[in-house]
Amino acid sequence: MLLGLLVGAAALGGGFFGARKFTRERLRFVDAIRHPAAPVVAGALAAAIAWPVAILPVITVWTAAAFGVGVGAGVASGRDKQLPPPAA
């Protein structure tokens, strides 16, 4: 049980810091990243991509969900808040 908790925490932290770095460095000039739904979409897609890995004994569905939450929070944290949202 403790190993599963550590794996979940590592997935959450890795998703957060990886997504924040990628958003700051690679997506800073992309208009779509400033849309309010961008973190939700990124987190849902990350969780959906990580979900098939949950068949492994140590990694559970909750680990995939923690990874999705970490990616969504990382995208939200990595966006430039001073730029206005994109024009519709």
N, C-alpha and C. Protein backbone atom coordinates (compact mmCIF):
# COMPACT_ATOMS: atom_id res chain seq x y z
N MET A 1 0.83 -1.19 0.00
CA MET A 1 0.00 0.00 0.00
C MET A 1 0.88 1.26 0.00
N LEU A 2 1.95 1.23 0.75
CA LEU A 2 2.84 2.39 0.79
C LEU A 2 3.53 2.60 -0.55
N LEU A 3 3.86 1.51 -1.22
CA LEU A 3 4.49 1.62 -2.53
C LEU A 3 3.54 2.26 -3.54
N GLY A 4 2.27 1.89 -3.50
CA GLY A 4 1.27 2.49 -4.39
C GLY A 4 1.11 3.98 -4.12
N LEU A 5 1.16 4.37 -2.87
CA LEU A 5 1.07 5.79 -2.51
C LEU A 5 2.28 6.57 -3.03
N LEU A 6 3.46 5.97 -2.91
CA LEU A 6 4.66 6.62 -3.43
C LEU A 6 4.63 6.75 -4.95
N VAL A 7 4.15 5.72 -5.62
CA VAL A 7 4.04 5.78 -7.08
C VAL A 7 3.03 6.84 -7.50
N GLY A 8 1.92 6.94 -6.78
CA GLY A 8 0.92 7.97 -7.07
C GLY A 8 1.46 9.38 -6.86
N ALA A 9 2.23 9.56 -5.78
CA ALA A 9 2.82 10.87 -5.51
C ALA A 9 3.86 11.22 -6.57
N ALA A 10 4.62 10.22 -7.01
CA ALA A 10 5.61 10.47 -8.06
C ALA A 10 4.93 10.81 -9.39
N ALA A 11 3.80 10.17 -9.67
CA ALA A 11 3.06 10.47 -10.90
C ALA A 11 2.48 11.89 -10.85
N LEU A 12 1.96 12.27 -9.70
CA LEU A 12 1.41 13.61 -9.53
C LEU A 12 2.50 14.66 -9.69
N GLY A 13 3.61 14.48 -9.00
CA GLY A 13 4.71 15.45 -9.07
C GLY A 13 5.36 15.48 -10.43
N GLY A 14 5.59 14.31 -11.02
CA GLY A 14 6.20 14.26 -12.34
C GLY A 14 5.32 14.89 -13.40
N GLY A 15 4.02 14.64 -13.32
CA GLY A 15 3.09 15.27 -14.26
C GLY A 15 3.05 16.78 -14.10
N PHE A 16 3.06 17.24 -12.85
CA PHE A 16 3.00 18.67 -12.61
C PHE A 16 4.24 19.39 -13.12
N PHE A 17 5.41 18.94 -12.69
CA PHE A 17 6.64 19.65 -13.06
C PHE A 17 6.98 19.49 -14.54
N GLY A 18 6.68 18.33 -15.10
CA GLY A 18 6.92 18.14 -16.52
C GLY A 18 6.03 19.01 -17.39
N ALA A 19 4.75 19.06 -17.05
CA ALA A 19 3.81 19.88 -17.82
C ALA A 19 4.09 21.37 -17.64
N ARG A 20 4.46 21.78 -16.44
CA ARG A 20 4.77 23.19 -16.22
C ARG A 20 5.99 23.62 -17.03
N LYS A 21 7.02 22.80 -17.04
CA LYS A 21 8.22 23.12 -17.81
C LYS A 21 7.93 23.14 -19.31
N PHE A 22 7.18 22.16 -19.78
CA PHE A 22 6.85 22.10 -21.20
C PHE A 22 5.99 23.29 -21.62
N THR A 23 5.05 23.68 -20.77
CA THR A 23 4.18 24.81 -21.08
C THR A 23 4.98 26.12 -21.11
N ARG A 24 5.87 26.29 -20.16
CA ARG A 24 6.67 27.52 -20.11
C ARG A 24 7.66 27.62 -21.25
N GLU A 25 8.29 26.51 -21.62
CA GLU A 25 9.34 26.57 -22.61
C GLU A 25 8.83 26.40 -24.04
N ARG A 26 7.92 25.50 -24.27
CA ARG A 26 7.52 25.16 -25.64
C ARG A 26 6.21 25.80 -26.08
N LEU A 27 5.30 26.05 -25.16
CA LEU A 27 3.98 26.52 -25.54
C LEU A 27 3.74 27.98 -25.18
N ARG A 28 4.77 28.73 -24.91
CA ARG A 28 4.56 30.10 -24.46
C ARG A 28 4.00 31.00 -25.56
N PHE A 29 4.21 30.67 -26.83
CA PHE A 29 3.70 31.50 -27.92
C PHE A 29 2.45 30.90 -28.58
N VAL A 30 1.91 29.84 -28.03
CA VAL A 30 0.73 29.19 -28.58
C VAL A 30 -0.51 29.83 -27.94
N ASP A 31 -1.40 30.35 -28.77
CA ASP A 31 -2.58 31.04 -28.24
C ASP A 31 -3.53 30.10 -27.51
N ALA A 32 -3.63 28.86 -27.96
CA ALA A 32 -4.61 27.94 -27.38
C ALA A 32 -4.31 27.60 -25.92
N ILE A 33 -3.08 27.75 -25.48
CA ILE A 33 -2.75 27.40 -24.10
C ILE A 33 -3.35 28.40 -23.12
N ARG A 34 -3.70 29.58 -23.60
CA ARG A 34 -4.29 30.59 -22.72
C ARG A 34 -5.81 30.44 -22.58
N HIS A 35 -6.39 29.51 -23.30
CA HIS A 35 -7.83 29.27 -23.19
C HIS A 35 -8.13 28.69 -21.80
N PRO A 36 -9.24 29.09 -21.19
CA PRO A 36 -9.54 28.60 -19.83
C PRO A 36 -9.68 27.08 -19.71
N ALA A 37 -10.04 26.42 -20.80
CA ALA A 37 -10.24 24.97 -20.74
C ALA A 37 -8.97 24.18 -21.01
N ALA A 38 -7.88 24.84 -21.32
CA ALA A 38 -6.64 24.13 -21.68
C ALA A 38 -6.13 23.20 -20.58
N PRO A 39 -6.09 23.62 -19.31
CA PRO A 39 -5.62 22.68 -18.27
C PRO A 39 -6.54 21.47 -18.09
N VAL A 40 -7.83 21.68 -18.23
CA VAL A 40 -8.77 20.57 -18.07
C VAL A 40 -8.60 19.56 -19.19
N VAL A 41 -8.47 20.06 -20.41
CA VAL A 41 -8.29 19.17 -21.56
C VAL A 41 -6.96 18.43 -21.45
N ALA A 42 -5.90 19.13 -21.08
CA ALA A 42 -4.60 18.49 -20.95
C ALA A 42 -4.61 17.41 -19.86
N GLY A 43 -5.23 17.70 -18.74
CA GLY A 43 -5.30 16.72 -17.65
C GLY A 43 -6.14 15.51 -18.01
N ALA A 44 -7.26 15.73 -18.68
CA ALA A 44 -8.12 14.61 -19.09
C ALA A 44 -7.41 13.72 -20.12
N LEU A 45 -6.72 14.34 -21.06
CA LEU A 45 -6.00 13.55 -22.06
C LEU A 45 -4.84 12.79 -21.43
N ALA A 46 -4.14 13.40 -20.51
CA ALA A 46 -3.03 12.71 -19.84
C ALA A 46 -3.54 11.52 -19.03
N ALA A 47 -4.65 11.69 -18.33
CA ALA A 47 -5.21 10.58 -17.56
C ALA A 47 -5.71 9.47 -18.49
N ALA A 48 -6.29 9.84 -19.61
CA ALA A 48 -6.78 8.83 -20.56
C ALA A 48 -5.62 8.06 -21.19
N ILE A 49 -4.51 8.75 -21.44
CA ILE A 49 -3.35 8.07 -22.01
C ILE A 49 -2.68 7.18 -20.97
N ALA A 50 -2.67 7.60 -19.71
CA ALA A 50 -2.03 6.81 -18.66
C ALA A 50 -2.92 5.69 -18.14
N TRP A 51 -4.19 5.71 -18.46
CA TRP A 51 -5.12 4.71 -17.93
C TRP A 51 -4.78 3.28 -18.33
N PRO A 52 -4.37 2.97 -19.57
CA PRO A 52 -4.05 1.57 -19.89
C PRO A 52 -2.87 1.01 -19.10
N VAL A 53 -2.02 1.87 -18.57
CA VAL A 53 -0.89 1.39 -17.77
C VAL A 53 -1.38 0.86 -16.42
N ALA A 54 -2.62 1.14 -16.08
CA ALA A 54 -3.17 0.72 -14.79
C ALA A 54 -3.37 -0.78 -14.69
N ILE A 55 -3.09 -1.54 -15.74
CA ILE A 55 -3.19 -2.99 -15.64
C ILE A 55 -2.00 -3.58 -14.88
N LEU A 56 -0.95 -2.78 -14.71
CA LEU A 56 0.20 -3.23 -13.94
C LEU A 56 -0.16 -3.32 -12.46
N PRO A 57 0.47 -4.20 -11.70
CA PRO A 57 0.05 -4.40 -10.31
C PRO A 57 0.25 -3.19 -9.40
N VAL A 58 1.32 -2.43 -9.58
CA VAL A 58 1.60 -1.32 -8.67
C VAL A 58 0.85 -0.06 -9.08
N ILE A 59 0.64 0.12 -10.37
CA ILE A 59 -0.02 1.32 -10.88
C ILE A 59 -1.51 1.06 -10.97
N THR A 60 -2.30 1.93 -10.35
CA THR A 60 -3.75 1.76 -10.33
C THR A 60 -4.41 2.86 -11.14
N VAL A 61 -5.71 2.81 -11.20
CA VAL A 61 -6.47 3.85 -11.88
C VAL A 61 -6.29 5.18 -11.15
N TRP A 62 -6.14 5.13 -9.84
CA TRP A 62 -5.93 6.35 -9.06
C TRP A 62 -4.59 7.00 -9.38
N THR A 63 -3.60 6.18 -9.72
CA THR A 63 -2.30 6.72 -10.13
C THR A 63 -2.44 7.46 -11.46
N ALA A 64 -3.20 6.88 -12.39
CA ALA A 64 -3.44 7.55 -13.67
C ALA A 64 -4.21 8.85 -13.46
N ALA A 65 -5.17 8.83 -12.54
CA ALA A 65 -5.92 10.05 -12.25
C ALA A 65 -5.03 11.11 -11.59
N ALA A 66 -4.14 10.69 -10.72
CA ALA A 66 -3.20 11.63 -10.09
C ALA A 66 -2.28 12.24 -11.13
N PHE A 67 -1.85 11.44 -12.11
CA PHE A 67 -1.03 11.96 -13.19
C PHE A 67 -1.80 13.01 -13.99
N GLY A 68 -3.07 12.75 -14.28
CA GLY A 68 -3.90 13.72 -15.01
C GLY A 68 -4.09 15.01 -14.24
N VAL A 69 -4.31 14.89 -12.93
CA VAL A 69 -4.45 16.10 -12.11
C VAL A 69 -3.15 16.88 -12.08
N GLY A 70 -2.03 16.17 -11.99
CA GLY A 70 -0.73 16.85 -11.99
C GLY A 70 -0.46 17.57 -13.29
N VAL A 71 -0.79 16.94 -14.42
CA VAL A 71 -0.59 17.59 -15.72
C VAL A 71 -1.50 18.81 -15.85
N GLY A 72 -2.75 18.69 -15.47
CA GLY A 72 -3.65 19.84 -15.54
C GLY A 72 -3.20 21.00 -14.67
N ALA A 73 -2.75 20.70 -13.46
CA ALA A 73 -2.26 21.75 -12.58
C ALA A 73 -0.96 22.36 -13.11
N GLY A 74 -0.12 21.53 -13.71
CA GLY A 74 1.13 22.04 -14.28
C GLY A 74 0.89 22.96 -15.46
N VAL A 75 -0.07 22.63 -16.30
CA VAL A 75 -0.41 23.50 -17.43
C VAL A 75 -0.98 24.82 -16.91
N ALA A 76 -1.84 24.74 -15.91
CA ALA A 76 -2.40 25.97 -15.35
C ALA A 76 -1.32 26.83 -14.69
N SER A 77 -0.36 26.20 -14.07
CA SER A 77 0.72 26.93 -13.41
C SER A 77 1.73 27.50 -14.40
N GLY A 78 1.91 26.83 -15.53
CA GLY A 78 2.92 27.24 -16.48
C GLY A 78 2.50 28.30 -17.46
N ARG A 79 1.21 28.58 -17.57
CA ARG A 79 0.77 29.60 -18.51
C ARG A 79 1.16 30.98 -18.04
N ASP A 80 1.33 31.87 -19.00
CA ASP A 80 1.65 33.26 -18.68
C ASP A 80 0.35 33.98 -18.36
N LYS A 81 0.20 34.37 -17.12
CA LYS A 81 -1.05 34.99 -16.68
C LYS A 81 -1.19 36.44 -17.15
N GLN A 82 -0.09 37.06 -17.57
CA GLN A 82 -0.15 38.47 -17.92
C GLN A 82 -0.65 38.72 -19.34
N LEU A 83 -0.64 37.68 -20.17
CA LEU A 83 -1.14 37.85 -21.53
C LEU A 83 -2.65 37.72 -21.53
N PRO A 84 -3.34 38.46 -22.38
CA PRO A 84 -4.80 38.35 -22.42
C PRO A 84 -5.21 37.03 -23.08
N PRO A 85 -6.43 36.57 -22.81
CA PRO A 85 -6.89 35.34 -23.47
C PRO A 85 -7.00 35.57 -24.98
N PRO A 86 -6.92 34.50 -25.75
CA PRO A 86 -6.97 34.68 -27.20
C PRO A 86 -8.32 35.21 -27.66
N ALA A 87 -8.31 35.94 -28.75
CA ALA A 87 -9.55 36.48 -29.31
C ALA A 87 -10.33 35.34 -29.95
N ALA A 88 -11.62 35.37 -29.78
CA ALA A 88 -12.46 34.30 -30.32
C ALA A 88 -12.70 34.40 -31.78
